[in-house]
Amino acid sequence: MNGPHIRLTRAALPSSGESAVMSAEAFAGMCGVSVETVVGWMDYGTVPAVRVQGSRLIDLELLCEDLEQGKDAFDKGDYDND
């Protein structure tokens, strides 16, 4: 991810009791890549994604958890995004 340096942490996520998710469009804008790139990342399991009411969204909670545990490389197949 080569966009602006934004620090993702669970503490920065909304605390509504719901899982924190983000659209591919918003995530692409945050990372400085195309929407097609983010969709590819979701397709290949490079980033965690979930389905919410028929839409596929980035699972920010899992992403932040992994980052906080020291994950610093995201590779094809890391996540099982059904």
N, C-alpha and C. Protein backbone atom coordinates (compact mmCIF):
# COMPACT_ATOMS: atom_id res chain seq x y z
N MET A 1 0.85 -1.16 0.00
CA MET A 1 0.00 0.00 0.00
C MET A 1 0.89 1.22 0.00
N ASN A 2 0.68 2.08 -0.94
CA ASN A 2 1.62 3.18 -1.10
C ASN A 2 0.99 4.55 -0.97
N GLY A 3 -0.13 4.64 -0.31
CA GLY A 3 -0.82 5.92 -0.18
C GLY A 3 -0.30 6.73 0.98
N PRO A 4 -1.09 7.69 1.42
CA PRO A 4 -0.68 8.53 2.54
C PRO A 4 -0.47 7.65 3.78
N HIS A 5 0.43 8.07 4.63
CA HIS A 5 0.75 7.29 5.82
C HIS A 5 -0.34 7.48 6.86
N ILE A 6 -1.29 6.57 6.86
CA ILE A 6 -2.38 6.61 7.82
C ILE A 6 -2.18 5.44 8.76
N ARG A 7 -2.19 5.68 10.05
CA ARG A 7 -1.98 4.63 11.03
C ARG A 7 -3.32 4.01 11.40
N LEU A 8 -3.50 2.76 10.98
CA LEU A 8 -4.71 2.04 11.32
C LEU A 8 -4.52 1.34 12.66
N THR A 9 -5.38 1.64 13.61
CA THR A 9 -5.37 0.95 14.89
C THR A 9 -6.80 0.66 15.30
N ARG A 10 -6.97 -0.38 16.10
CA ARG A 10 -8.32 -0.69 16.58
C ARG A 10 -8.86 0.45 17.42
N ALA A 11 -8.01 1.13 18.16
CA ALA A 11 -8.45 2.24 19.01
C ALA A 11 -9.05 3.37 18.18
N ALA A 12 -8.61 3.51 16.93
CA ALA A 12 -9.11 4.58 16.06
C ALA A 12 -10.43 4.21 15.37
N LEU A 13 -10.83 2.95 15.49
CA LEU A 13 -12.07 2.51 14.83
C LEU A 13 -13.28 2.90 15.66
N PRO A 14 -14.45 3.02 15.02
CA PRO A 14 -15.68 3.35 15.76
C PRO A 14 -15.97 2.26 16.79
N SER A 15 -16.48 2.65 17.93
CA SER A 15 -16.77 1.68 18.99
C SER A 15 -18.27 1.48 19.13
N SER A 16 -18.93 1.23 18.03
CA SER A 16 -20.39 1.09 18.04
C SER A 16 -20.85 -0.31 18.42
N GLY A 17 -19.92 -1.24 18.64
CA GLY A 17 -20.30 -2.61 18.91
C GLY A 17 -20.44 -3.42 17.64
N GLU A 18 -20.43 -2.76 16.51
CA GLU A 18 -20.49 -3.43 15.21
C GLU A 18 -19.07 -3.59 14.69
N SER A 19 -18.89 -4.51 13.76
CA SER A 19 -17.58 -4.65 13.13
C SER A 19 -17.30 -3.41 12.29
N ALA A 20 -16.06 -2.98 12.31
CA ALA A 20 -15.66 -1.83 11.51
C ALA A 20 -15.30 -2.32 10.11
N VAL A 21 -15.95 -1.77 9.12
CA VAL A 21 -15.73 -2.14 7.73
C VAL A 21 -15.59 -0.89 6.89
N MET A 22 -15.04 -1.07 5.67
CA MET A 22 -14.85 0.07 4.78
C MET A 22 -15.06 -0.40 3.35
N SER A 23 -15.65 0.44 2.54
CA SER A 23 -15.85 0.10 1.13
C SER A 23 -14.53 0.03 0.40
N ALA A 24 -14.52 -0.69 -0.71
CA ALA A 24 -13.32 -0.78 -1.55
C ALA A 24 -12.93 0.61 -2.04
N GLU A 25 -13.92 1.44 -2.36
CA GLU A 25 -13.65 2.79 -2.85
C GLU A 25 -12.94 3.63 -1.79
N ALA A 26 -13.45 3.59 -0.56
CA ALA A 26 -12.85 4.38 0.52
C ALA A 26 -11.46 3.86 0.86
N PHE A 27 -11.30 2.54 0.89
CA PHE A 27 -10.00 1.94 1.19
C PHE A 27 -8.98 2.29 0.11
N ALA A 28 -9.42 2.26 -1.14
CA ALA A 28 -8.54 2.62 -2.25
C ALA A 28 -8.07 4.06 -2.10
N GLY A 29 -8.99 4.96 -1.78
CA GLY A 29 -8.63 6.36 -1.58
C GLY A 29 -7.65 6.53 -0.44
N MET A 30 -7.84 5.80 0.65
CA MET A 30 -6.96 5.89 1.80
C MET A 30 -5.56 5.37 1.48
N CYS A 31 -5.50 4.32 0.66
CA CYS A 31 -4.22 3.69 0.33
C CYS A 31 -3.53 4.32 -0.87
N GLY A 32 -4.27 5.13 -1.63
CA GLY A 32 -3.69 5.76 -2.81
C GLY A 32 -3.55 4.80 -3.98
N VAL A 33 -4.46 3.84 -4.09
CA VAL A 33 -4.46 2.88 -5.19
C VAL A 33 -5.83 2.91 -5.86
N SER A 34 -5.96 2.19 -6.97
CA SER A 34 -7.25 2.16 -7.66
C SER A 34 -8.23 1.21 -6.97
N VAL A 35 -9.50 1.43 -7.22
CA VAL A 35 -10.54 0.55 -6.69
C VAL A 35 -10.31 -0.86 -7.24
N GLU A 36 -9.89 -0.96 -8.49
CA GLU A 36 -9.64 -2.27 -9.10
C GLU A 36 -8.55 -3.02 -8.35
N THR A 37 -7.54 -2.30 -7.88
CA THR A 37 -6.48 -2.92 -7.09
C THR A 37 -7.03 -3.50 -5.80
N VAL A 38 -7.86 -2.73 -5.10
CA VAL A 38 -8.44 -3.19 -3.84
C VAL A 38 -9.36 -4.39 -4.08
N VAL A 39 -10.15 -4.34 -5.13
CA VAL A 39 -11.02 -5.47 -5.46
C VAL A 39 -10.18 -6.72 -5.73
N GLY A 40 -9.06 -6.55 -6.41
CA GLY A 40 -8.14 -7.66 -6.63
C GLY A 40 -7.59 -8.20 -5.33
N TRP A 41 -7.22 -7.30 -4.42
CA TRP A 41 -6.73 -7.73 -3.11
C TRP A 41 -7.78 -8.56 -2.39
N MET A 42 -9.05 -8.12 -2.48
CA MET A 42 -10.13 -8.88 -1.83
C MET A 42 -10.32 -10.22 -2.54
N ASP A 43 -10.31 -10.22 -3.87
CA ASP A 43 -10.49 -11.45 -4.66
C ASP A 43 -9.45 -12.50 -4.31
N TYR A 44 -8.21 -12.05 -4.15
CA TYR A 44 -7.10 -12.98 -3.91
C TYR A 44 -6.79 -13.21 -2.44
N GLY A 45 -7.59 -12.62 -1.54
CA GLY A 45 -7.37 -12.83 -0.12
C GLY A 45 -6.15 -12.14 0.43
N THR A 46 -5.75 -11.05 -0.19
CA THR A 46 -4.59 -10.29 0.27
C THR A 46 -4.95 -9.41 1.47
N VAL A 47 -6.18 -8.93 1.50
CA VAL A 47 -6.70 -8.17 2.64
C VAL A 47 -7.99 -8.84 3.10
N PRO A 48 -8.33 -8.71 4.38
CA PRO A 48 -9.55 -9.35 4.88
C PRO A 48 -10.81 -8.61 4.41
N ALA A 49 -11.81 -9.37 4.02
CA ALA A 49 -13.07 -8.78 3.56
C ALA A 49 -14.23 -9.59 4.11
N VAL A 50 -15.36 -8.93 4.25
CA VAL A 50 -16.60 -9.57 4.70
C VAL A 50 -17.73 -9.13 3.80
N ARG A 51 -18.79 -9.92 3.79
CA ARG A 51 -20.01 -9.53 3.07
C ARG A 51 -21.00 -8.95 4.06
N VAL A 52 -21.53 -7.78 3.71
CA VAL A 52 -22.54 -7.13 4.53
C VAL A 52 -23.67 -6.73 3.59
N GLN A 53 -24.81 -7.35 3.78
CA GLN A 53 -25.99 -7.08 2.95
C GLN A 53 -25.64 -7.10 1.46
N GLY A 54 -24.92 -8.12 1.03
CA GLY A 54 -24.61 -8.30 -0.38
C GLY A 54 -23.41 -7.54 -0.89
N SER A 55 -22.82 -6.68 -0.08
CA SER A 55 -21.64 -5.92 -0.50
C SER A 55 -20.40 -6.49 0.18
N ARG A 56 -19.31 -6.51 -0.55
CA ARG A 56 -18.03 -6.93 0.03
C ARG A 56 -17.30 -5.70 0.53
N LEU A 57 -16.88 -5.76 1.78
CA LEU A 57 -16.22 -4.63 2.43
C LEU A 57 -14.93 -5.08 3.09
N ILE A 58 -13.99 -4.18 3.23
CA ILE A 58 -12.75 -4.47 3.93
C ILE A 58 -13.06 -4.60 5.42
N ASP A 59 -12.55 -5.66 6.03
CA ASP A 59 -12.71 -5.90 7.47
C ASP A 59 -11.59 -5.17 8.21
N LEU A 60 -11.87 -3.93 8.60
CA LEU A 60 -10.85 -3.11 9.24
C LEU A 60 -10.45 -3.64 10.60
N GLU A 61 -11.39 -4.25 11.30
CA GLU A 61 -11.07 -4.78 12.62
C GLU A 61 -9.99 -5.86 12.53
N LEU A 62 -10.17 -6.81 11.64
CA LEU A 62 -9.20 -7.87 11.47
C LEU A 62 -7.88 -7.32 10.92
N LEU A 63 -7.97 -6.40 9.99
CA LEU A 63 -6.77 -5.79 9.43
C LEU A 63 -5.96 -5.09 10.53
N CYS A 64 -6.64 -4.30 11.35
CA CYS A 64 -5.95 -3.59 12.44
C CYS A 64 -5.37 -4.57 13.45
N GLU A 65 -6.13 -5.60 13.78
CA GLU A 65 -5.64 -6.60 14.73
C GLU A 65 -4.34 -7.23 14.22
N ASP A 66 -4.33 -7.60 12.95
CA ASP A 66 -3.12 -8.19 12.37
C ASP A 66 -1.96 -7.21 12.36
N LEU A 67 -2.22 -5.95 12.01
CA LEU A 67 -1.17 -4.94 12.02
C LEU A 67 -0.60 -4.75 13.42
N GLU A 68 -1.48 -4.71 14.42
CA GLU A 68 -1.04 -4.52 15.80
C GLU A 68 -0.25 -5.72 16.32
N GLN A 69 -0.47 -6.88 15.74
CA GLN A 69 0.28 -8.08 16.13
C GLN A 69 1.58 -8.21 15.33
N GLY A 70 1.88 -7.21 14.52
CA GLY A 70 3.16 -7.17 13.83
C GLY A 70 3.15 -7.60 12.38
N LYS A 71 1.98 -7.91 11.82
CA LYS A 71 1.92 -8.30 10.41
C LYS A 71 2.36 -7.10 9.57
N ASP A 72 3.36 -7.32 8.72
CA ASP A 72 3.85 -6.21 7.91
C ASP A 72 3.90 -6.54 6.42
N ALA A 73 3.42 -7.74 6.07
CA ALA A 73 3.33 -8.12 4.66
C ALA A 73 1.97 -8.78 4.44
N PHE A 74 1.33 -8.39 3.37
CA PHE A 74 0.03 -8.93 3.03
C PHE A 74 0.15 -9.59 1.67
N ASP A 75 -0.03 -10.90 1.66
CA ASP A 75 0.19 -11.68 0.44
C ASP A 75 -1.08 -12.38 -0.01
N LYS A 76 -1.10 -12.73 -1.26
CA LYS A 76 -2.20 -13.47 -1.86
C LYS A 76 -2.46 -14.72 -1.00
N GLY A 77 -3.73 -14.93 -0.65
CA GLY A 77 -4.11 -16.11 0.12
C GLY A 77 -4.02 -15.98 1.62
N ASP A 78 -3.63 -14.82 2.12
CA ASP A 78 -3.56 -14.63 3.56
C ASP A 78 -4.93 -14.75 4.23
N TYR A 79 -5.98 -14.37 3.52
CA TYR A 79 -7.33 -14.36 4.09
C TYR A 79 -8.27 -15.17 3.22
N ASP A 80 -9.21 -15.85 3.85
CA ASP A 80 -10.23 -16.63 3.14
C ASP A 80 -11.48 -15.76 3.02
N ASN A 81 -11.57 -15.02 1.95
CA ASN A 81 -12.71 -14.12 1.72
C ASN A 81 -13.75 -14.81 0.86
N ASP A 82 -14.63 -15.55 1.50
CA ASP A 82 -15.66 -16.27 0.74
C ASP A 82 -16.51 -15.38 -0.09
